[in-house]
Amino acid sequence: MTNQSEKSDDLLRTIESLSEQRHLHVKKEAMAAKAHFDEMKEDISSVKMPKLKKLKMIDEFNDNVLLLRGIFQDSQFDEIVYHLSNPSRLFVIQLMIGILRGMGFAIGILVIVFLTLYLTMMSLPASAISHLAQSILLSLGR
């Protein structure tokens, strides 16, 4: 055991002696490069924090943009803006919609009137039907 402790003591003395004499064994350029590397390492570590903050802010911004895009897609905002940007086209579309609604209403009323007349004629005797038809024709003629 003493042999091992002596070897470790010799090793420690050798390392200390080398570290004291490093200016003799290491070139000045290597020392300057090491100093420059240490400075650059400190600069890099100070630069990384703002870059991380910027990346985090960019990620948050991207998330907010995606959220807004989803809201606009769900609300069909782009279609509304498209129609409002061309008012003459919007007017024509609204006019066509109004005409079709009016035609649908008129057709619906005609179907109800004809169904009522048909069911009434089926349930009445022939003389009553002819009397009803004459009264309708007379009222339309006035």
Protein backbone atom coordinates (compact mmCIF):
# COMPACT_ATOMS: atom_id res chain seq x y z
CA MET A 1 0.00 0.00 0.00
CA THR A 2 2.80 2.31 0.74
CA ASN A 3 4.10 1.67 -2.73
CA GLN A 4 0.80 2.91 -4.23
CA SER A 5 0.67 5.96 -2.00
CA GLU A 6 4.22 6.81 -2.97
CA LYS A 7 3.31 6.50 -6.65
CA SER A 8 0.27 8.76 -6.23
CA ASP A 9 2.38 11.30 -4.31
CA ASP A 10 4.98 11.23 -7.11
CA LEU A 11 2.21 11.73 -9.66
CA LEU A 12 0.79 14.70 -7.76
CA ARG A 13 4.23 16.31 -7.46
CA THR A 14 4.85 15.80 -11.17
CA ILE A 15 1.51 17.40 -12.09
CA GLU A 16 2.15 20.36 -9.79
CA SER A 17 5.60 20.81 -11.22
CA LEU A 18 4.25 20.74 -14.77
CA SER A 19 1.50 23.24 -13.95
CA GLU A 20 4.08 25.59 -12.42
CA GLN A 21 6.27 25.26 -15.50
CA ARG A 22 3.49 25.31 -18.11
CA HIS A 23 4.77 28.52 -19.61
CA LEU A 24 7.89 26.56 -20.56
CA HIS A 25 6.00 23.63 -22.13
CA VAL A 26 3.00 25.39 -23.73
CA LYS A 27 3.45 27.89 -26.53
CA LYS A 28 2.16 31.44 -26.20
CA GLU A 29 -0.14 30.96 -29.21
CA ALA A 30 -1.82 28.00 -27.51
CA MET A 31 -2.33 30.04 -24.34
CA ALA A 32 -3.79 32.91 -26.38
CA ALA A 33 -6.08 30.49 -28.23
CA LYS A 34 -7.26 29.02 -24.92
CA ALA A 35 -7.99 32.52 -23.57
CA HIS A 36 -9.84 33.42 -26.77
CA PHE A 37 -11.83 30.17 -26.58
CA ASP A 38 -12.82 30.93 -22.98
CA GLU A 39 -13.99 34.42 -24.00
CA MET A 40 -15.99 33.03 -26.90
CA LYS A 41 -17.53 30.41 -24.64
CA GLU A 42 -18.75 33.13 -22.27
CA ASP A 43 -20.09 35.18 -25.20
CA ILE A 44 -21.93 32.18 -26.60
CA SER A 45 -23.51 31.36 -23.26
CA SER A 46 -24.69 34.97 -22.89
CA VAL A 47 -26.10 34.99 -26.44
CA LYS A 48 -28.02 31.72 -26.09
CA MET A 49 -30.48 33.07 -23.53
CA PRO A 50 -31.85 35.87 -25.72
CA LYS A 51 -32.04 33.47 -28.68
CA LEU A 52 -34.04 31.03 -26.57
CA LYS A 53 -36.35 33.84 -25.52
CA LYS A 54 -36.75 34.89 -29.15
CA LEU A 55 -37.52 31.33 -30.19
CA LYS A 56 -40.07 31.04 -27.40
CA MET A 57 -41.69 34.30 -28.48
CA ILE A 58 -41.77 33.13 -32.10
CA ASP A 59 -43.40 29.85 -31.04
CA GLU A 60 -46.02 31.75 -29.04
CA PHE A 61 -46.63 34.05 -32.00
CA ASN A 62 -47.06 31.05 -34.32
CA ASP A 63 -49.55 29.49 -31.89
CA ASN A 64 -51.54 32.74 -31.77
CA VAL A 65 -51.55 32.99 -35.57
CA LEU A 66 -52.84 29.41 -35.83
CA LEU A 67 -55.55 30.19 -33.29
CA LEU A 68 -56.66 33.28 -35.22
CA ARG A 69 -56.61 31.33 -38.48
CA GLY A 70 -58.91 28.72 -36.97
CA ILE A 71 -61.29 31.39 -35.70
CA PHE A 72 -61.43 33.09 -39.11
CA GLN A 73 -62.01 29.78 -40.89
CA ASP A 74 -64.83 28.84 -38.55
CA SER A 75 -66.51 32.24 -38.93
CA GLN A 76 -66.09 32.27 -42.75
CA PHE A 77 -64.70 35.78 -42.42
CA ASP A 78 -62.80 35.52 -45.71
CA GLU A 79 -66.02 34.87 -47.64
CA ILE A 80 -67.71 37.87 -46.04
CA VAL A 81 -64.77 40.12 -46.94
CA TYR A 82 -64.78 38.73 -50.50
CA HIS A 83 -68.47 39.54 -50.97
CA LEU A 84 -68.14 42.99 -49.41
CA SER A 85 -65.20 43.84 -51.64
CA ASN A 86 -67.43 43.46 -54.73
CA PRO A 87 -70.76 45.23 -53.93
CA SER A 88 -72.31 44.79 -57.39
CA ARG A 89 -71.84 41.03 -57.19
CA LEU A 90 -73.32 41.06 -53.68
CA PHE A 91 -76.35 43.00 -54.98
CA VAL A 92 -76.95 40.51 -57.82
CA ILE A 93 -76.65 37.54 -55.45
CA GLN A 94 -79.08 39.09 -52.97
CA LEU A 95 -81.53 39.93 -55.78
CA MET A 96 -81.46 36.34 -57.06
CA ILE A 97 -81.97 35.00 -53.55
CA GLY A 98 -84.98 37.32 -53.07
CA ILE A 99 -86.54 36.28 -56.39
CA LEU A 100 -86.09 32.57 -55.60
CA ARG A 101 -87.59 33.01 -52.13
CA GLY A 102 -90.60 34.81 -53.63
CA MET A 103 -91.08 32.08 -56.23
CA GLY A 104 -90.83 29.42 -53.52
CA PHE A 105 -93.45 31.21 -51.45
CA ALA A 106 -95.81 31.52 -54.46
CA ILE A 107 -95.37 27.85 -55.41
CA GLY A 108 -96.02 26.81 -51.81
CA ILE A 109 -99.26 28.83 -51.65
CA LEU A 110 -100.43 27.38 -55.01
CA VAL A 111 -99.76 23.82 -53.80
CA ILE A 112 -101.75 24.45 -50.61
CA VAL A 113 -104.69 25.99 -52.55
CA PHE A 114 -104.80 23.18 -55.12
CA LEU A 115 -104.56 20.51 -52.41
CA THR A 116 -107.39 22.14 -50.50
CA LEU A 117 -109.53 22.37 -53.65
CA TYR A 118 -108.74 18.79 -54.64
CA LEU A 119 -109.61 17.40 -51.20
CA THR A 120 -112.75 19.52 -51.07
CA MET A 121 -113.89 18.32 -54.49
CA MET A 122 -113.30 14.69 -53.56
CA SER A 123 -115.43 14.93 -50.49
CA LEU A 124 -118.33 16.98 -52.01
CA PRO A 125 -120.97 15.67 -54.38
CA ALA A 126 -120.81 16.76 -58.05
CA SER A 127 -123.55 19.39 -57.74
CA ALA A 128 -121.74 21.08 -54.86
CA ILE A 129 -118.48 21.08 -56.83
CA SER A 130 -120.10 22.76 -59.81
CA HIS A 131 -121.74 25.32 -57.50
CA LEU A 132 -118.33 26.01 -55.80
CA ALA A 133 -116.57 26.34 -59.17
CA GLN A 134 -119.23 28.81 -60.39
CA SER A 135 -118.91 30.93 -57.26
CA ILE A 136 -115.10 30.99 -57.58
CA LEU A 137 -115.34 32.00 -61.28
CA LEU A 138 -117.85 34.72 -60.47
CA SER A 139 -115.67 36.12 -57.70
CA LEU A 140 -112.60 36.12 -59.96
CA GLY A 141 -114.55 37.83 -62.76
CA ARG A 142 -115.52 40.83 -60.63
